[in-house]
Amino acid sequence: MSKSSGRPTRKTITNSGYTEVSPGVWSKGGADRSLPNKRPQAKKLERSPKSRAKGNNGGKEKGKKANSTGFVYQLVLVSYRSRPIDASNCCPKYIEDAIVDEGLMPDDTIFYCPRPPITHQILVPAKEMKKTEVFLFRYSLES
């Protein structure tokens, strides 16, 4: 580097392995050449028959509901907290997935859960009183 301007000199740049491609444009190790495409090809994932059947509506006409149980569900979360948090931090999606995994609800699609989960927070004075209550209501589609 030159002591007067603080910028590297041409000699310093070339000694570092750079070559001048065009005036003011430097390249190191042939970086001006196009690089080979080393990006890995995306693998096409094969869906298992079970996961393929999950999205299947049983061959019904398009637009018809795929709810074969005759029930809809409403999830209500009551969170007792010492300070307020965002409603999304109550993690209603994870709780819905756990309820489906346990077999309490057939699926968490719009056909079974037409409304989003209701979250309610109640402030409590002590950390020891913190808890979350989960309520799952089941309603009949037939009147």
C-alpha atoms as a PDB file:
ATOM      1  CA  MET A   1       0.000   0.000   0.000  1.00  0.00           C
ATOM      2  CA  SER A   2       1.149   3.479  -0.650  1.00  0.00           C
ATOM      3  CA  LYS A   3       1.691   5.469   2.506  1.00  0.00           C
ATOM      4  CA  SER A   4       0.272   8.710   1.172  1.00  0.00           C
ATOM      5  CA  SER A   5      -3.251   7.696   0.042  1.00  0.00           C
ATOM      6  CA  GLY A   6      -3.890   4.480   2.005  1.00  0.00           C
ATOM      7  CA  ARG A   7      -4.931   2.728  -1.225  1.00  0.00           C
ATOM      8  CA  PRO A   8      -3.127  -0.352  -2.554  1.00  0.00           C
ATOM      9  CA  THR A   9      -0.764   0.166  -5.477  1.00  0.00           C
ATOM     10  CA  ARG A  10      -0.931  -1.713  -8.766  1.00  0.00           C
ATOM     11  CA  LYS A  11       2.142  -3.703  -7.723  1.00  0.00           C
ATOM     12  CA  THR A  12       0.566  -4.731  -4.416  1.00  0.00           C
ATOM     13  CA  ILE A  13      -2.583  -5.862  -6.195  1.00  0.00           C
ATOM     14  CA  THR A  14      -0.724  -7.938  -8.788  1.00  0.00           C
ATOM     15  CA  ASN A  15       1.540  -9.444  -6.104  1.00  0.00           C
ATOM     16  CA  SER A  16      -1.631 -10.588  -4.318  1.00  0.00           C
ATOM     17  CA  GLY A  17      -2.577 -12.725  -7.318  1.00  0.00           C
ATOM     18  CA  TYR A  18      -5.027 -10.362  -9.011  1.00  0.00           C
ATOM     19  CA  THR A  19      -5.004  -9.621 -12.735  1.00  0.00           C
ATOM     20  CA  GLU A  20      -6.515  -6.590 -14.399  1.00  0.00           C
ATOM     21  CA  VAL A  21      -9.344  -7.723 -16.669  1.00  0.00           C
ATOM     22  CA  SER A  22     -10.225  -4.248 -17.900  1.00  0.00           C
ATOM     23  CA  PRO A  23      -9.225  -0.790 -16.672  1.00  0.00           C
ATOM     24  CA  GLY A  24     -10.151  -0.644 -12.976  1.00  0.00           C
ATOM     25  CA  VAL A  25     -11.598  -4.204 -12.913  1.00  0.00           C
ATOM     26  CA  TRP A  26      -9.499  -6.824 -11.141  1.00  0.00           C
ATOM     27  CA  SER A  27      -9.942 -10.580 -11.001  1.00  0.00           C
ATOM     28  CA  LYS A  28      -8.307 -13.275  -8.889  1.00  0.00           C
ATOM     29  CA  GLY A  29      -7.958 -16.854 -10.043  1.00  0.00           C
ATOM     30  CA  GLY A  30      -9.958 -16.490 -13.243  1.00  0.00           C
ATOM     31  CA  ALA A  31     -13.059 -15.158 -11.543  1.00  0.00           C
ATOM     32  CA  ASP A  32     -13.950 -13.392 -14.777  1.00  0.00           C
ATOM     33  CA  ARG A  33     -14.656 -16.764 -16.416  1.00  0.00           C
ATOM     34  CA  SER A  34     -18.106 -18.217 -16.090  1.00  0.00           C
ATOM     35  CA  LEU A  35     -18.342 -20.724 -13.285  1.00  0.00           C
ATOM     36  CA  PRO A  36     -19.606 -24.253 -13.892  1.00  0.00           C
ATOM     37  CA  ASN A  37     -23.034 -24.954 -12.513  1.00  0.00           C
ATOM     38  CA  LYS A  38     -22.205 -26.835  -9.325  1.00  0.00           C
ATOM     39  CA  ARG A  39     -25.643 -26.368  -7.861  1.00  0.00           C
ATOM     40  CA  PRO A  40     -27.070 -29.751  -6.885  1.00  0.00           C
ATOM     41  CA  GLN A  41     -30.154 -30.839  -8.720  1.00  0.00           C
ATOM     42  CA  ALA A  42     -33.276 -30.874  -6.583  1.00  0.00           C
ATOM     43  CA  LYS A  43     -34.465 -34.363  -5.838  1.00  0.00           C
ATOM     44  CA  LYS A  44     -38.057 -35.118  -6.614  1.00  0.00           C
ATOM     45  CA  LEU A  45     -39.599 -36.516  -3.489  1.00  0.00           C
ATOM     46  CA  GLU A  46     -41.948 -39.420  -3.906  1.00  0.00           C
ATOM     47  CA  ARG A  47     -44.973 -39.178  -1.673  1.00  0.00           C
ATOM     48  CA  SER A  48     -45.963 -42.250   0.225  1.00  0.00           C
ATOM     49  CA  PRO A  49     -49.430 -43.704  -0.475  1.00  0.00           C
ATOM     50  CA  LYS A  50     -50.532 -42.586   2.996  1.00  0.00           C
ATOM     51  CA  SER A  51     -49.562 -38.927   2.400  1.00  0.00           C
ATOM     52  CA  ARG A  52     -51.044 -39.060  -1.097  1.00  0.00           C
ATOM     53  CA  ALA A  53     -54.345 -40.196   0.378  1.00  0.00           C
ATOM     54  CA  LYS A  54     -54.337 -37.375   2.962  1.00  0.00           C
ATOM     55  CA  GLY A  55     -55.008 -34.686   0.359  1.00  0.00           C
ATOM     56  CA  ASN A  56     -57.431 -36.865  -1.560  1.00  0.00           C
ATOM     57  CA  ASN A  57     -61.064 -35.900  -1.195  1.00  0.00           C
ATOM     58  CA  GLY A  58     -62.280 -39.398  -2.024  1.00  0.00           C
ATOM     59  CA  GLY A  59     -63.114 -38.706  -5.677  1.00  0.00           C
ATOM     60  CA  LYS A  60     -65.844 -36.191  -4.858  1.00  0.00           C
ATOM     61  CA  GLU A  61     -66.700 -33.430  -7.242  1.00  0.00           C
ATOM     62  CA  LYS A  62     -64.620 -30.312  -7.087  1.00  0.00           C
ATOM     63  CA  GLY A  63     -65.990 -27.821  -4.569  1.00  0.00           C
ATOM     64  CA  LYS A  64     -67.724 -30.391  -2.390  1.00  0.00           C
ATOM     65  CA  LYS A  65     -66.600 -30.674   1.211  1.00  0.00           C
ATOM     66  CA  ALA A  66     -64.478 -33.658   2.191  1.00  0.00           C
ATOM     67  CA  ASN A  67     -65.706 -33.837   5.800  1.00  0.00           C
ATOM     68  CA  SER A  68     -67.060 -37.353   6.193  1.00  0.00           C
ATOM     69  CA  THR A  69     -67.479 -37.212   9.995  1.00  0.00           C
ATOM     70  CA  GLY A  70     -70.382 -34.758  10.141  1.00  0.00           C
ATOM     71  CA  PHE A  71     -68.585 -32.680  12.797  1.00  0.00           C
ATOM     72  CA  VAL A  72     -66.610 -29.442  12.844  1.00  0.00           C
ATOM     73  CA  TYR A  73     -64.186 -28.445  15.572  1.00  0.00           C
ATOM     74  CA  GLN A  74     -63.229 -25.226  17.348  1.00  0.00           C
ATOM     75  CA  LEU A  75     -59.975 -24.921  19.271  1.00  0.00           C
ATOM     76  CA  VAL A  76     -59.829 -22.465  22.197  1.00  0.00           C
ATOM     77  CA  LEU A  77     -56.584 -21.693  24.041  1.00  0.00           C
ATOM     78  CA  VAL A  78     -56.655 -19.924  27.395  1.00  0.00           C
ATOM     79  CA  SER A  79     -53.193 -18.785  28.394  1.00  0.00           C
ATOM     80  CA  TYR A  80     -52.494 -17.647  31.960  1.00  0.00           C
ATOM     81  CA  ARG A  81     -49.430 -15.388  31.782  1.00  0.00           C
ATOM     82  CA  SER A  82     -47.577 -13.031  34.096  1.00  0.00           C
ATOM     83  CA  ARG A  83     -47.143 -10.639  31.154  1.00  0.00           C
ATOM     84  CA  PRO A  84     -48.926 -10.425  27.796  1.00  0.00           C
ATOM     85  CA  ILE A  85     -47.539 -12.113  24.676  1.00  0.00           C
ATOM     86  CA  ASP A  86     -48.534 -12.169  21.001  1.00  0.00           C
ATOM     87  CA  ALA A  87     -51.417 -14.509  20.216  1.00  0.00           C
ATOM     88  CA  SER A  88     -49.233 -16.355  17.689  1.00  0.00           C
ATOM     89  CA  ASN A  89     -46.705 -17.145  20.440  1.00  0.00           C
ATOM     90  CA  CYS A  90     -49.288 -19.422  22.071  1.00  0.00           C
ATOM     91  CA  CYS A  91     -48.428 -21.777  19.160  1.00  0.00           C
ATOM     92  CA  PRO A  92     -51.987 -22.784  18.172  1.00  0.00           C
ATOM     93  CA  LYS A  93     -50.744 -24.563  15.008  1.00  0.00           C
ATOM     94  CA  TYR A  94     -48.520 -26.925  16.981  1.00  0.00           C
ATOM     95  CA  ILE A  95     -51.351 -27.678  19.382  1.00  0.00           C
ATOM     96  CA  GLU A  96     -53.716 -28.406  16.455  1.00  0.00           C
ATOM     97  CA  ASP A  97     -51.141 -30.779  14.962  1.00  0.00           C
ATOM     98  CA  ALA A  98     -50.723 -32.570  18.306  1.00  0.00           C
ATOM     99  CA  ILE A  99     -54.514 -32.973  18.618  1.00  0.00           C
ATOM    100  CA  VAL A 100     -54.643 -34.533  15.133  1.00  0.00           C
ATOM    101  CA  ASP A 101     -51.673 -36.798  15.955  1.00  0.00           C
ATOM    102  CA  GLU A 102     -53.445 -38.007  19.098  1.00  0.00           C
ATOM    103  CA  GLY A 103     -56.580 -38.830  17.083  1.00  0.00           C
ATOM    104  CA  LEU A 104     -58.872 -36.356  18.854  1.00  0.00           C
ATOM    105  CA  MET A 105     -59.622 -34.628  15.536  1.00  0.00           C
ATOM    106  CA  PRO A 106     -59.426 -36.243  12.061  1.00  0.00           C
ATOM    107  CA  ASP A 107     -57.628 -33.371  10.323  1.00  0.00           C
ATOM    108  CA  ASP A 108     -56.867 -29.680  10.770  1.00  0.00           C
ATOM    109  CA  THR A 109     -58.038 -28.581   7.329  1.00  0.00           C
ATOM    110  CA  ILE A 110     -60.730 -25.981   6.748  1.00  0.00           C
ATOM    111  CA  PHE A 111     -63.301 -28.759   6.319  1.00  0.00           C
ATOM    112  CA  TYR A 112     -62.921 -29.754   9.976  1.00  0.00           C
ATOM    113  CA  CYS A 113     -61.768 -26.420  11.477  1.00  0.00           C
ATOM    114  CA  PRO A 114     -63.591 -23.683   9.552  1.00  0.00           C
ATOM    115  CA  ARG A 115     -62.519 -20.992  12.055  1.00  0.00           C
ATOM    116  CA  PRO A 116     -59.019 -20.206  13.323  1.00  0.00           C
ATOM    117  CA  PRO A 117     -58.155 -21.102  16.920  1.00  0.00           C
ATOM    118  CA  ILE A 118     -59.348 -18.630  19.549  1.00  0.00           C
ATOM    119  CA  THR A 119     -56.618 -17.482  21.924  1.00  0.00           C
ATOM    120  CA  HIS A 120     -57.383 -15.708  25.182  1.00  0.00           C
ATOM    121  CA  GLN A 121     -54.860 -14.407  27.708  1.00  0.00           C
ATOM    122  CA  ILE A 122     -55.442 -13.924  31.410  1.00  0.00           C
ATOM    123  CA  LEU A 123     -52.807 -12.063  33.407  1.00  0.00           C
ATOM    124  CA  VAL A 124     -51.818 -13.708  36.699  1.00  0.00           C
ATOM    125  CA  PRO A 125     -49.709 -12.137  39.458  1.00  0.00           C
ATOM    126  CA  ALA A 126     -47.095 -14.891  39.857  1.00  0.00           C
ATOM    127  CA  LYS A 127     -44.984 -16.955  37.457  1.00  0.00           C
ATOM    128  CA  GLU A 128     -45.976 -20.092  39.348  1.00  0.00           C
ATOM    129  CA  MET A 129     -49.556 -19.614  38.167  1.00  0.00           C
ATOM    130  CA  LYS A 130     -48.613 -19.679  34.477  1.00  0.00           C
ATOM    131  CA  LYS A 131     -50.365 -22.379  32.441  1.00  0.00           C
ATOM    132  CA  THR A 132     -52.190 -22.945  29.161  1.00  0.00           C
ATOM    133  CA  GLU A 133     -55.568 -24.645  28.922  1.00  0.00           C
ATOM    134  CA  VAL A 134     -56.695 -26.223  25.651  1.00  0.00           C
ATOM    135  CA  PHE A 135     -60.379 -26.701  24.840  1.00  0.00           C
ATOM    136  CA  LEU A 136     -61.597 -28.577  21.777  1.00  0.00           C
ATOM    137  CA  PHE A 137     -65.275 -28.147  20.955  1.00  0.00           C
ATOM    138  CA  ARG A 138     -67.024 -30.484  18.529  1.00  0.00           C
ATOM    139  CA  TYR A 139     -70.179 -29.363  16.739  1.00  0.00           C
ATOM    140  CA  SER A 140     -72.514 -31.400  14.557  1.00  0.00           C
ATOM    141  CA  LEU A 141     -73.035 -30.225  10.983  1.00  0.00           C
ATOM    142  CA  GLU A 142     -76.587 -31.549  11.027  1.00  0.00           C
ATOM    143  CA  SER A 143     -79.188 -29.348  12.683  1.00  0.00           C
END
